[in-house]
């Protein structure tokens, strides 16, 4: 089972680090090309290799670890998915530039965090992503708490909990195995539409840091 990470920001990098720490091989990509990731892959060792986005998208399990606003343009033109698994690790947030007046807009309760919610017109973000990757089996996970917590699967004598959801049972089973291989406890929330409850910042399970002992 091959793993490809699309996106090398905080989330993609943290995921690559925890994969490397568990001896799991993976490839990682970003918009600037493999050469820009040379320092990262040198740090992480031989299990993590830098590739193009197109190459990362050919893996059996592909993690979308990119900004919400970038998802459509990143997946456009990628190879046909043909039943491969896509892990949607995104959250429907727009990051605000320093000095953006919306950071101080009373109508934006998350301005102080440097973000604002994207209006999804009552839709669930994971189902929107599924529509952008036709033929993929989409599972939602890795998105409900800080990327830095992905580096700490074991804590206080137990395992940190990761939620996941999806409509394809075999795909969910593969993702569950991956979650557990990384040292986390996995909790199945049900169908893909249930992913909304783990979506930051408004999902009732978002930022919930549970430990299974």
N, C-alpha and C. Protein backbone atom coordinates (compact mmCIF):
# COMPACT_ATOMS: atom_id res chain seq x y z
N UNK A 1 0.85 -1.20 0.00
CA UNK A 1 0.00 0.00 0.00
C UNK A 1 0.88 1.25 0.00
N UNK A 2 0.85 2.02 -1.08
CA UNK A 2 1.68 3.22 -1.18
C UNK A 2 0.90 4.43 -0.67
N UNK A 3 1.65 5.41 -0.15
CA UNK A 3 1.04 6.61 0.43
C UNK A 3 1.65 7.84 -0.22
N UNK A 4 0.80 8.75 -0.69
CA UNK A 4 1.25 10.01 -1.25
C UNK A 4 0.62 11.17 -0.51
N UNK A 5 1.43 12.15 -0.14
CA UNK A 5 0.94 13.35 0.55
C UNK A 5 1.02 14.52 -0.42
N UNK A 6 -0.09 15.17 -0.66
CA UNK A 6 -0.13 16.37 -1.48
C UNK A 6 -0.24 17.57 -0.55
N UNK A 7 0.83 18.33 -0.46
CA UNK A 7 0.88 19.46 0.46
C UNK A 7 1.97 19.26 1.48
N UNK A 8 2.84 20.25 1.62
CA UNK A 8 3.96 20.15 2.56
C UNK A 8 3.98 21.31 3.53
N UNK A 9 2.78 21.78 3.89
CA UNK A 9 2.68 22.79 4.94
C UNK A 9 2.75 22.12 6.29
N UNK A 10 2.14 22.73 7.30
CA UNK A 10 2.22 22.20 8.65
C UNK A 10 1.66 20.79 8.75
N UNK A 11 0.50 20.56 8.13
CA UNK A 11 -0.13 19.25 8.22
C UNK A 11 0.64 18.19 7.44
N UNK A 12 0.95 18.48 6.17
CA UNK A 12 1.67 17.50 5.36
C UNK A 12 3.02 17.15 5.94
N UNK A 13 3.72 18.15 6.45
CA UNK A 13 5.03 17.91 7.05
C UNK A 13 4.92 17.08 8.32
N UNK A 14 3.94 17.40 9.16
CA UNK A 14 3.75 16.63 10.40
C UNK A 14 3.41 15.18 10.08
N UNK A 15 2.57 14.98 9.08
CA UNK A 15 2.20 13.62 8.71
C UNK A 15 3.41 12.86 8.17
N UNK A 16 4.22 13.51 7.35
CA UNK A 16 5.43 12.87 6.84
C UNK A 16 6.37 12.50 7.98
N UNK A 17 6.47 13.35 8.98
CA UNK A 17 7.35 13.08 10.12
C UNK A 17 6.87 11.87 10.93
N UNK A 18 5.57 11.79 11.18
CA UNK A 18 5.08 10.65 11.96
C UNK A 18 5.16 9.36 11.17
N UNK A 19 4.95 9.43 9.86
CA UNK A 19 5.13 8.25 9.01
C UNK A 19 6.58 7.78 9.08
N UNK A 20 7.50 8.72 8.94
CA UNK A 20 8.92 8.36 8.99
C UNK A 20 9.28 7.76 10.33
N UNK A 21 8.72 8.30 11.41
CA UNK A 21 9.05 7.80 12.74
C UNK A 21 8.56 6.38 12.97
N UNK A 22 7.53 5.98 12.22
CA UNK A 22 6.98 4.63 12.35
C UNK A 22 7.53 3.69 11.27
N UNK A 23 8.49 4.17 10.49
CA UNK A 23 9.09 3.33 9.46
C UNK A 23 8.20 3.08 8.26
N UNK A 24 7.23 3.97 8.02
CA UNK A 24 6.30 3.81 6.90
C UNK A 24 6.79 4.65 5.72
N UNK A 25 6.89 4.03 4.56
CA UNK A 25 7.35 4.73 3.38
C UNK A 25 6.22 5.57 2.77
N UNK A 26 6.58 6.75 2.27
CA UNK A 26 5.60 7.63 1.65
C UNK A 26 6.32 8.61 0.73
N UNK A 27 5.54 9.25 -0.12
CA UNK A 27 6.08 10.33 -0.95
C UNK A 27 5.31 11.60 -0.61
N UNK A 28 5.95 12.75 -0.81
CA UNK A 28 5.33 14.03 -0.48
C UNK A 28 5.60 15.01 -1.61
N UNK A 29 4.64 15.90 -1.83
CA UNK A 29 4.77 16.87 -2.92
C UNK A 29 4.25 18.22 -2.46
N UNK A 30 4.66 19.26 -3.22
CA UNK A 30 4.10 20.59 -3.01
C UNK A 30 4.03 21.30 -4.35
N UNK A 31 3.57 22.53 -4.34
CA UNK A 31 3.39 23.27 -5.59
C UNK A 31 4.69 23.77 -6.18
N UNK A 32 5.78 23.76 -5.39
CA UNK A 32 7.04 24.31 -5.87
C UNK A 32 7.98 23.26 -6.46
N UNK A 33 7.61 21.99 -6.35
CA UNK A 33 8.42 20.95 -6.95
C UNK A 33 9.30 20.21 -5.97
N UNK A 34 9.74 19.00 -6.33
CA UNK A 34 10.50 18.15 -5.41
C UNK A 34 11.78 18.78 -4.88
N UNK A 35 12.45 19.60 -5.70
CA UNK A 35 13.73 20.18 -5.27
C UNK A 35 13.56 21.03 -4.01
N UNK A 36 12.41 21.69 -3.89
CA UNK A 36 12.18 22.56 -2.73
C UNK A 36 12.01 21.76 -1.44
N UNK A 37 11.78 20.46 -1.56
CA UNK A 37 11.57 19.61 -0.40
C UNK A 37 12.82 18.84 0.00
N UNK A 38 13.94 19.12 -0.67
CA UNK A 38 15.18 18.39 -0.38
C UNK A 38 15.58 18.46 1.09
N UNK A 39 15.54 19.64 1.75
CA UNK A 39 15.93 19.67 3.16
C UNK A 39 15.02 18.82 4.04
N UNK A 40 13.72 18.79 3.74
CA UNK A 40 12.79 18.01 4.54
C UNK A 40 13.06 16.52 4.40
N UNK A 41 13.19 16.02 3.18
CA UNK A 41 13.39 14.59 3.00
C UNK A 41 14.77 14.16 3.52
N UNK A 42 15.75 15.06 3.47
CA UNK A 42 17.05 14.73 4.05
C UNK A 42 16.92 14.57 5.57
N UNK A 43 16.12 15.44 6.19
CA UNK A 43 15.89 15.36 7.63
C UNK A 43 15.16 14.07 8.01
N UNK A 44 14.19 13.66 7.19
CA UNK A 44 13.32 12.55 7.56
C UNK A 44 13.90 11.19 7.21
N UNK A 45 14.87 11.14 6.32
CA UNK A 45 15.49 9.85 6.03
C UNK A 45 14.90 9.15 4.82
N UNK A 46 15.32 7.92 4.58
CA UNK A 46 15.03 7.25 3.31
C UNK A 46 13.58 6.83 3.10
N UNK A 47 12.76 6.82 4.14
CA UNK A 47 11.37 6.38 3.97
C UNK A 47 10.48 7.42 3.29
N UNK A 48 10.90 8.68 3.29
CA UNK A 48 10.09 9.76 2.70
C UNK A 48 10.83 10.33 1.50
N UNK A 49 10.17 10.34 0.35
CA UNK A 49 10.76 10.87 -0.88
C UNK A 49 9.91 12.01 -1.42
N UNK A 50 10.56 12.98 -2.04
CA UNK A 50 9.86 14.11 -2.64
C UNK A 50 9.58 13.80 -4.11
N UNK A 51 8.36 14.09 -4.56
CA UNK A 51 7.95 13.82 -5.93
C UNK A 51 7.08 14.96 -6.41
N UNK A 52 6.63 14.89 -7.66
CA UNK A 52 5.67 15.87 -8.17
C UNK A 52 4.28 15.54 -7.63
N UNK A 53 3.39 16.51 -7.73
CA UNK A 53 2.01 16.29 -7.30
C UNK A 53 1.37 15.16 -8.10
N UNK A 54 1.65 15.11 -9.39
CA UNK A 54 1.09 14.06 -10.23
C UNK A 54 1.55 12.68 -9.77
N UNK A 55 2.81 12.58 -9.37
CA UNK A 55 3.32 11.30 -8.89
C UNK A 55 2.71 10.93 -7.54
N UNK A 56 2.57 11.90 -6.65
CA UNK A 56 1.96 11.64 -5.34
C UNK A 56 0.52 11.17 -5.49
N UNK A 57 -0.18 11.70 -6.49
CA UNK A 57 -1.59 11.35 -6.71
C UNK A 57 -1.78 9.94 -7.24
N UNK A 58 -0.70 9.27 -7.64
CA UNK A 58 -0.81 7.90 -8.15
C UNK A 58 -0.70 6.86 -7.04
N UNK A 59 -0.48 7.29 -5.80
CA UNK A 59 -0.36 6.35 -4.68
C UNK A 59 -1.70 5.68 -4.39
N UNK A 60 -1.65 4.57 -3.67
CA UNK A 60 -2.88 3.87 -3.30
C UNK A 60 -3.72 4.69 -2.33
N UNK A 61 -3.04 5.38 -1.41
CA UNK A 61 -3.71 6.30 -0.48
C UNK A 61 -3.10 7.67 -0.68
N UNK A 62 -3.93 8.65 -1.02
CA UNK A 62 -3.46 10.01 -1.29
C UNK A 62 -4.07 10.95 -0.26
N UNK A 63 -3.21 11.66 0.46
CA UNK A 63 -3.67 12.59 1.49
C UNK A 63 -3.69 14.00 0.93
N UNK A 64 -4.85 14.63 0.94
CA UNK A 64 -4.96 16.04 0.56
C UNK A 64 -4.72 16.87 1.81
N UNK A 65 -3.52 17.44 1.91
CA UNK A 65 -3.14 18.24 3.08
C UNK A 65 -2.83 19.65 2.60
N UNK A 66 -3.82 20.28 1.98
CA UNK A 66 -3.63 21.61 1.37
C UNK A 66 -4.71 22.56 1.88
N UNK A 67 -4.52 23.83 1.58
CA UNK A 67 -5.53 24.82 1.95
C UNK A 67 -6.80 24.58 1.16
N UNK A 68 -7.93 24.82 1.82
CA UNK A 68 -9.23 24.58 1.18
C UNK A 68 -9.34 25.30 -0.16
N UNK A 69 -8.91 26.54 -0.20
CA UNK A 69 -9.05 27.33 -1.41
C UNK A 69 -8.26 26.76 -2.58
N UNK A 70 -7.24 25.96 -2.29
CA UNK A 70 -6.38 25.42 -3.33
C UNK A 70 -6.82 24.06 -3.86
N UNK A 71 -7.78 23.41 -3.19
CA UNK A 71 -8.15 22.05 -3.58
C UNK A 71 -8.58 21.95 -5.04
N UNK A 72 -9.51 22.77 -5.53
CA UNK A 72 -9.96 22.58 -6.92
C UNK A 72 -8.84 22.65 -7.95
N UNK A 73 -7.95 23.64 -7.83
CA UNK A 73 -6.90 23.76 -8.84
C UNK A 73 -5.85 22.67 -8.71
N UNK A 74 -5.65 22.15 -7.49
CA UNK A 74 -4.65 21.10 -7.31
C UNK A 74 -5.12 19.78 -7.89
N UNK A 75 -6.39 19.43 -7.70
CA UNK A 75 -6.87 18.13 -8.18
C UNK A 75 -7.24 18.16 -9.66
N UNK A 76 -7.42 19.36 -10.21
CA UNK A 76 -7.78 19.45 -11.63
C UNK A 76 -6.64 18.91 -12.50
N UNK A 77 -6.98 18.01 -13.37
CA UNK A 77 -5.98 17.48 -14.29
C UNK A 77 -5.13 16.35 -13.76
N UNK A 78 -5.36 15.92 -12.53
CA UNK A 78 -4.61 14.79 -12.00
C UNK A 78 -5.10 13.50 -12.65
N UNK A 79 -4.30 12.44 -12.59
CA UNK A 79 -4.70 11.17 -13.21
C UNK A 79 -6.04 10.67 -12.65
N UNK A 80 -6.76 9.89 -13.46
CA UNK A 80 -8.04 9.33 -13.01
C UNK A 80 -7.81 8.55 -11.72
N UNK A 81 -8.76 8.66 -10.81
CA UNK A 81 -8.56 8.08 -9.49
C UNK A 81 -8.77 6.57 -9.47
N UNK A 82 -9.67 6.06 -10.25
CA UNK A 82 -9.83 4.61 -10.44
C UNK A 82 -9.91 3.84 -9.12
N UNK A 83 -10.67 4.36 -8.18
CA UNK A 83 -10.91 3.64 -6.94
C UNK A 83 -9.84 3.81 -5.87
N UNK A 84 -8.82 4.64 -6.15
CA UNK A 84 -7.81 4.85 -5.10
C UNK A 84 -8.43 5.65 -3.95
N UNK A 85 -7.79 5.55 -2.79
CA UNK A 85 -8.31 6.21 -1.59
C UNK A 85 -7.76 7.62 -1.51
N UNK A 86 -8.64 8.57 -1.27
CA UNK A 86 -8.24 9.95 -1.00
C UNK A 86 -8.63 10.29 0.43
N UNK A 87 -7.64 10.65 1.23
CA UNK A 87 -7.91 11.14 2.58
C UNK A 87 -8.06 12.66 2.51
N UNK A 88 -9.25 13.12 2.84
CA UNK A 88 -9.52 14.56 2.88
C UNK A 88 -9.15 15.08 4.27
N UNK A 89 -8.02 15.75 4.35
CA UNK A 89 -7.56 16.30 5.62
C UNK A 89 -7.74 17.81 5.67
N UNK A 90 -8.61 18.34 4.81
CA UNK A 90 -8.79 19.79 4.72
C UNK A 90 -9.86 20.28 5.68
N UNK A 91 -9.85 21.59 5.89
CA UNK A 91 -10.90 22.29 6.63
C UNK A 91 -11.31 23.51 5.81
N UNK A 92 -12.63 23.81 5.75
CA UNK A 92 -13.10 24.91 4.92
C UNK A 92 -12.83 26.28 5.53
N UNK A 93 -11.56 26.65 5.56
CA UNK A 93 -11.12 27.91 6.12
C UNK A 93 -10.33 28.69 5.09
N UNK A 94 -10.44 29.99 5.14
CA UNK A 94 -9.59 30.86 4.33
C UNK A 94 -8.62 31.58 5.26
N UNK A 95 -7.34 31.49 4.95
CA UNK A 95 -6.33 32.13 5.79
C UNK A 95 -6.18 33.59 5.36
N UNK A 96 -6.20 34.47 6.34
CA UNK A 96 -6.17 35.91 6.08
C UNK A 96 -4.75 36.44 6.18
N UNK A 97 -4.40 37.30 5.25
CA UNK A 97 -3.07 37.91 5.26
C UNK A 97 -2.94 38.86 6.43
N UNK A 98 -1.71 39.06 6.87
CA UNK A 98 -1.46 40.03 7.93
C UNK A 98 -1.95 41.39 7.47
N UNK A 99 -2.67 42.06 8.34
CA UNK A 99 -3.20 43.37 7.99
C UNK A 99 -4.55 43.33 7.30
N UNK A 100 -5.05 42.17 6.98
CA UNK A 100 -6.37 42.06 6.36
C UNK A 100 -7.42 42.58 7.35
N UNK A 101 -8.27 43.53 6.92
CA UNK A 101 -9.26 44.10 7.84
C UNK A 101 -10.22 43.07 8.42
N UNK A 102 -10.37 41.93 7.74
CA UNK A 102 -11.28 40.91 8.27
C UNK A 102 -10.74 40.26 9.54
N UNK A 103 -9.45 40.45 9.82
CA UNK A 103 -8.91 39.95 11.09
C UNK A 103 -9.54 40.68 12.28
N UNK A 104 -9.99 41.89 12.05
CA UNK A 104 -10.58 42.70 13.12
C UNK A 104 -12.06 42.97 12.90
N UNK A 105 -12.65 42.27 11.97
CA UNK A 105 -14.07 42.47 11.66
C UNK A 105 -14.92 41.76 12.70
N UNK A 106 -15.79 42.48 13.41
CA UNK A 106 -16.64 41.85 14.43
C UNK A 106 -17.53 40.74 13.84
N UNK A 107 -17.79 40.80 12.54
CA UNK A 107 -18.62 39.79 11.90
C UNK A 107 -17.87 38.48 11.68
N UNK A 108 -16.56 38.50 11.88
CA UNK A 108 -15.75 37.29 11.72
C UNK A 108 -15.21 36.86 13.08
N UNK A 109 -15.87 35.91 13.74
CA UNK A 109 -15.46 35.52 15.09
C UNK A 109 -14.10 34.83 15.15
N UNK A 110 -13.57 34.44 13.98
CA UNK A 110 -12.29 33.74 13.95
C UNK A 110 -11.16 34.61 13.41
N UNK A 111 -11.45 35.91 13.28
CA UNK A 111 -10.45 36.82 12.76
C UNK A 111 -9.18 36.85 13.59
N UNK A 112 -9.33 36.72 14.91
CA UNK A 112 -8.17 36.73 15.77
C UNK A 112 -7.24 35.56 15.54
N UNK A 113 -7.77 34.50 14.93
CA UNK A 113 -6.96 33.33 14.59
C UNK A 113 -6.36 33.43 13.19
N UNK A 114 -6.69 34.54 12.51
CA UNK A 114 -6.16 34.73 11.16
C UNK A 114 -6.87 33.96 10.09
N UNK A 115 -8.12 33.54 10.36
CA UNK A 115 -8.88 32.76 9.38
C UNK A 115 -10.32 33.24 9.34
N UNK A 116 -11.04 32.82 8.31
CA UNK A 116 -12.48 32.99 8.28
C UNK A 116 -13.10 31.74 7.65
N UNK A 117 -14.34 31.47 8.01
CA UNK A 117 -15.04 30.32 7.47
C UNK A 117 -15.42 30.55 6.02
N UNK A 118 -15.35 29.49 5.23
CA UNK A 118 -15.84 29.54 3.86
C UNK A 118 -17.31 29.15 3.88
N UNK A 119 -18.13 29.90 3.18
CA UNK A 119 -19.56 29.62 3.12
C UNK A 119 -19.80 28.42 2.19
N UNK A 120 -20.23 27.32 2.75
CA UNK A 120 -20.47 26.10 1.97
C UNK A 120 -21.94 25.92 1.60
N UNK A 121 -22.76 26.90 1.91
CA UNK A 121 -24.20 26.84 1.59
C UNK A 121 -24.84 25.57 2.16
N UNK A 122 -24.55 25.29 3.42
CA UNK A 122 -25.12 24.16 4.16
C UNK A 122 -24.62 22.81 3.69
N UNK A 123 -23.64 22.78 2.81
CA UNK A 123 -23.06 21.50 2.38
C UNK A 123 -21.95 21.07 3.35
N UNK A 124 -21.56 19.81 3.28
CA UNK A 124 -20.47 19.28 4.09
C UNK A 124 -19.20 19.28 3.24
N UNK A 125 -18.11 19.79 3.80
CA UNK A 125 -16.90 19.98 3.01
C UNK A 125 -16.38 18.68 2.39
N UNK A 126 -16.48 17.58 3.13
CA UNK A 126 -15.96 16.32 2.61
C UNK A 126 -16.72 15.84 1.39
N UNK A 127 -18.01 16.12 1.32
CA UNK A 127 -18.77 15.72 0.14
C UNK A 127 -18.42 16.62 -1.06
N UNK A 128 -18.06 17.86 -0.79
CA UNK A 128 -17.60 18.74 -1.86
C UNK A 128 -16.28 18.22 -2.43
N UNK A 129 -15.37 17.82 -1.55
CA UNK A 129 -14.10 17.25 -2.00
C UNK A 129 -14.35 15.98 -2.81
N UNK A 130 -15.27 15.14 -2.35
CA UNK A 130 -15.57 13.91 -3.08
C UNK A 130 -16.04 14.21 -4.50
N UNK A 131 -16.77 15.29 -4.67
CA UNK A 131 -17.23 15.67 -6.00
C UNK A 131 -16.10 16.15 -6.90
N UNK A 132 -15.01 16.60 -6.29
CA UNK A 132 -13.87 17.08 -7.06
C UNK A 132 -12.90 15.97 -7.46
N UNK A 133 -13.06 14.78 -6.86
CA UNK A 133 -12.18 13.65 -7.16
C UNK A 133 -13.02 12.45 -7.56
N UNK A 134 -13.75 12.55 -8.67
CA UNK A 134 -14.65 11.46 -9.07
C UNK A 134 -13.88 10.16 -9.28
N UNK A 135 -14.45 9.08 -8.76
CA UNK A 135 -13.80 7.78 -8.88
C UNK A 135 -12.92 7.43 -7.71
N UNK A 136 -12.68 8.40 -6.82
CA UNK A 136 -11.88 8.13 -5.61
C UNK A 136 -12.81 7.66 -4.49
N UNK A 137 -12.24 6.94 -3.55
CA UNK A 137 -12.95 6.55 -2.33
C UNK A 137 -12.45 7.47 -1.22
N UNK A 138 -13.30 8.40 -0.80
CA UNK A 138 -12.87 9.48 0.08
C UNK A 138 -13.13 9.12 1.55
N UNK A 139 -12.12 9.36 2.37
CA UNK A 139 -12.23 9.19 3.82
C UNK A 139 -11.74 10.48 4.47
N UNK A 140 -12.49 10.96 5.44
CA UNK A 140 -12.14 12.20 6.14
C UNK A 140 -11.39 11.86 7.43
N UNK A 141 -10.18 12.40 7.59
CA UNK A 141 -9.44 12.24 8.84
C UNK A 141 -8.24 13.17 8.84
N UNK A 142 -7.49 13.18 9.94
CA UNK A 142 -6.28 14.00 10.13
C UNK A 142 -6.57 15.50 10.19
N UNK A 143 -7.84 15.90 10.36
CA UNK A 143 -8.15 17.32 10.24
C UNK A 143 -8.71 17.97 11.50
N UNK A 144 -8.99 17.19 12.54
CA UNK A 144 -9.82 17.77 13.62
C UNK A 144 -9.03 18.37 14.76
N UNK A 145 -7.69 18.29 14.74
CA UNK A 145 -6.92 19.02 15.74
C UNK A 145 -5.63 19.54 15.13
N UNK A 146 -4.86 20.25 15.93
CA UNK A 146 -3.62 20.87 15.46
C UNK A 146 -2.69 19.85 14.83
N UNK A 147 -2.04 20.25 13.73
CA UNK A 147 -1.10 19.36 13.04
C UNK A 147 0.01 18.90 13.98
N UNK A 148 0.36 19.72 14.94
CA UNK A 148 1.44 19.36 15.84
C UNK A 148 1.10 18.15 16.71
N UNK A 149 -0.21 17.93 16.95
CA UNK A 149 -0.59 16.77 17.74
C UNK A 149 -0.39 15.46 16.98
N UNK A 150 -0.29 15.54 15.64
CA UNK A 150 0.00 14.33 14.87
C UNK A 150 1.37 13.77 15.21
N UNK A 151 2.22 14.61 15.76
CA UNK A 151 3.56 14.14 16.13
C UNK A 151 3.56 13.44 17.48
N UNK A 152 2.40 13.42 18.15
CA UNK A 152 2.32 12.88 19.51
C UNK A 152 1.19 11.88 19.62
N UNK A 153 1.27 10.74 18.92
CA UNK A 153 0.17 9.77 18.98
C UNK A 153 -0.01 9.12 20.34
N UNK A 154 1.05 9.03 21.12
CA UNK A 154 0.96 8.40 22.43
C UNK A 154 1.14 9.46 23.51
N UNK A 155 0.23 9.43 24.49
CA UNK A 155 0.26 10.45 25.53
C UNK A 155 -0.43 9.91 26.78
N UNK A 156 0.09 10.27 27.92
CA UNK A 156 -0.54 9.95 29.22
C UNK A 156 -0.89 8.48 29.35
N UNK A 157 -0.02 7.62 28.88
CA UNK A 157 -0.25 6.19 29.02
C UNK A 157 -1.26 5.61 28.06
N UNK A 158 -1.70 6.38 27.08
CA UNK A 158 -2.69 5.89 26.12
C UNK A 158 -2.38 6.37 24.72
N UNK A 159 -3.37 6.24 23.85
CA UNK A 159 -3.22 6.65 22.45
C UNK A 159 -4.19 7.79 22.14
N UNK A 160 -3.67 8.82 21.49
CA UNK A 160 -4.51 9.94 21.08
C UNK A 160 -5.52 9.45 20.03
N UNK A 161 -6.73 9.97 20.09
CA UNK A 161 -7.82 9.52 19.22
C UNK A 161 -7.86 10.33 17.93
N UNK A 162 -8.01 9.63 16.80
CA UNK A 162 -8.29 10.26 15.52
C UNK A 162 -9.66 9.78 15.02
N UNK A 163 -10.50 10.72 14.64
CA UNK A 163 -11.79 10.40 14.06
C UNK A 163 -11.63 10.17 12.56
N UNK A 164 -12.52 9.35 12.00
CA UNK A 164 -12.53 9.18 10.55
C UNK A 164 -13.95 8.86 10.10
N UNK A 165 -14.26 9.18 8.85
CA UNK A 165 -15.59 8.92 8.30
C UNK A 165 -15.47 8.68 6.81
N UNK A 166 -16.45 7.97 6.27
CA UNK A 166 -16.44 7.69 4.83
C UNK A 166 -17.56 6.75 4.46
N UNK A 167 -17.80 6.61 3.17
CA UNK A 167 -18.91 5.79 2.68
C UNK A 167 -18.47 4.42 2.19
N UNK A 168 -17.17 4.20 2.00
CA UNK A 168 -16.67 2.94 1.46
C UNK A 168 -16.00 2.14 2.58
N UNK A 169 -16.62 1.02 2.96
CA UNK A 169 -16.12 0.26 4.11
C UNK A 169 -14.69 -0.26 3.93
N UNK A 170 -14.34 -0.85 2.77
CA UNK A 170 -12.95 -1.30 2.62
C UNK A 170 -11.94 -0.15 2.68
N UNK A 171 -12.29 1.01 2.11
CA UNK A 171 -11.39 2.16 2.18
C UNK A 171 -11.22 2.61 3.63
N UNK A 172 -12.31 2.64 4.37
CA UNK A 172 -12.22 3.03 5.78
C UNK A 172 -11.37 2.03 6.57
N UNK A 173 -11.46 0.76 6.22
CA UNK A 173 -10.65 -0.24 6.92
C UNK A 173 -9.16 0.00 6.67
N UNK A 174 -8.81 0.36 5.42
CA UNK A 174 -7.41 0.65 5.10
C UNK A 174 -6.92 1.87 5.87
N UNK A 175 -7.76 2.90 5.92
CA UNK A 175 -7.36 4.13 6.63
C UNK A 175 -7.27 3.86 8.13
N UNK A 176 -8.16 3.05 8.65
CA UNK A 176 -8.08 2.71 10.07
C UNK A 176 -6.75 2.01 10.37
N UNK A 177 -6.35 1.09 9.49
CA UNK A 177 -5.07 0.40 9.69
C UNK A 177 -3.91 1.40 9.69
N UNK A 178 -3.99 2.39 8.79
CA UNK A 178 -2.95 3.40 8.75
C UNK A 178 -2.93 4.21 10.05
N UNK A 179 -4.09 4.64 10.50
CA UNK A 179 -4.18 5.41 11.74
C UNK A 179 -3.57 4.63 12.90
N UNK A 180 -3.90 3.36 12.98
CA UNK A 180 -3.39 2.54 14.08
C UNK A 180 -1.91 2.24 13.93
N UNK A 181 -1.44 2.11 12.69
CA UNK A 181 -0.01 1.92 12.46
C UNK A 181 0.78 3.11 12.97
N UNK A 182 0.21 4.29 12.84
CA UNK A 182 0.88 5.50 13.30
C UNK A 182 0.81 5.67 14.81
N UNK A 183 0.11 4.77 15.48
CA UNK A 183 0.08 4.80 16.94
C UNK A 183 -1.15 5.43 17.56
N UNK A 184 -2.12 5.84 16.73
CA UNK A 184 -3.33 6.47 17.23
C UNK A 184 -4.44 5.44 17.47
N UNK A 185 -5.42 5.82 18.25
CA UNK A 185 -6.68 5.08 18.36
C UNK A 185 -7.64 5.67 17.34
N UNK A 186 -8.41 4.82 16.65
CA UNK A 186 -9.29 5.28 15.59
C UNK A 186 -10.75 5.13 16.00
N UNK A 187 -11.54 6.16 15.76
CA UNK A 187 -12.98 6.11 16.03
C UNK A 187 -13.73 6.42 14.73
N UNK A 188 -14.56 5.47 14.32
CA UNK A 188 -15.34 5.59 13.09
C UNK A 188 -16.62 6.38 13.39
N UNK A 189 -16.77 7.52 12.71
CA UNK A 189 -17.95 8.36 12.92
C UNK A 189 -19.10 7.99 12.02
N UNK A 190 -18.86 7.13 11.02
CA UNK A 190 -19.94 6.75 10.12
C UNK A 190 -19.72 7.23 8.70
N UNK A 191 -20.78 7.63 7.99
CA UNK A 191 -20.67 8.01 6.59
C UNK A 191 -19.90 9.31 6.40
N UNK A 192 -19.57 9.59 5.15
CA UNK A 192 -18.75 10.77 4.84
C UNK A 192 -19.41 12.06 5.31
N UNK A 193 -20.73 12.12 5.26
CA UNK A 193 -21.42 13.34 5.71
C UNK A 193 -21.19 13.61 7.19
N UNK A 194 -20.85 12.56 7.95
CA UNK A 194 -20.57 12.75 9.38
C UNK A 194 -19.27 13.50 9.60
N UNK A 195 -18.45 13.64 8.54
CA UNK A 195 -17.20 14.36 8.68
C UNK A 195 -17.37 15.79 9.11
N UNK A 196 -18.56 16.33 8.93
CA UNK A 196 -18.80 17.70 9.33
C UNK A 196 -18.62 17.93 10.83
N UNK A 197 -18.85 16.91 11.63
CA UNK A 197 -18.75 17.10 13.08
C UNK A 197 -17.29 17.18 13.54
N UNK A 198 -16.35 16.76 12.67
CA UNK A 198 -14.94 16.84 13.05
C UNK A 198 -14.22 17.99 12.35
N UNK A 199 -14.97 18.76 11.56
CA UNK A 199 -14.36 19.83 10.77
C UNK A 199 -14.14 21.07 11.60
N UNK A 200 -12.92 21.60 11.55
CA UNK A 200 -12.60 22.82 12.31
C UNK A 200 -13.11 24.05 11.55
N UNK A 201 -13.50 25.10 12.31
CA UNK A 201 -13.48 25.19 13.77
C UNK A 201 -14.83 24.94 14.44
N UNK A 202 -15.91 24.73 13.64
CA UNK A 202 -17.24 24.69 14.23
C UNK A 202 -17.76 23.29 14.53
N UNK A 203 -17.15 22.25 13.97
CA UNK A 203 -17.62 20.90 14.24
C UNK A 203 -17.56 20.60 15.73
N UNK A 204 -18.61 19.97 16.29
CA UNK A 204 -18.61 19.74 17.74
C UNK A 204 -17.47 18.85 18.23
N UNK A 205 -16.84 18.09 17.33
CA UNK A 205 -15.71 17.25 17.73
C UNK A 205 -14.37 17.88 17.34
N UNK A 206 -14.41 19.05 16.71
CA UNK A 206 -13.14 19.67 16.31
C UNK A 206 -12.39 20.17 17.55
N UNK A 207 -11.08 20.08 17.48
CA UNK A 207 -10.18 20.46 18.57
C UNK A 207 -10.37 19.62 19.82
N UNK A 208 -11.13 18.52 19.71
CA UNK A 208 -11.32 17.64 20.86
C UNK A 208 -10.14 16.68 20.94
N UNK A 209 -9.40 16.75 22.02
CA UNK A 209 -8.20 15.95 22.19
C UNK A 209 -8.48 14.83 23.19
N UNK A 210 -8.89 13.67 22.64
CA UNK A 210 -9.21 12.53 23.47
C UNK A 210 -8.07 11.54 23.51
N UNK A 211 -7.96 10.82 24.61
CA UNK A 211 -6.91 9.80 24.75
C UNK A 211 -7.59 8.49 25.16
N UNK A 212 -7.30 7.43 24.42
CA UNK A 212 -7.80 6.10 24.77
C UNK A 212 -6.76 5.41 25.64
N UNK A 213 -7.15 5.01 26.83
CA UNK A 213 -6.21 4.37 27.75
C UNK A 213 -6.54 2.89 27.91
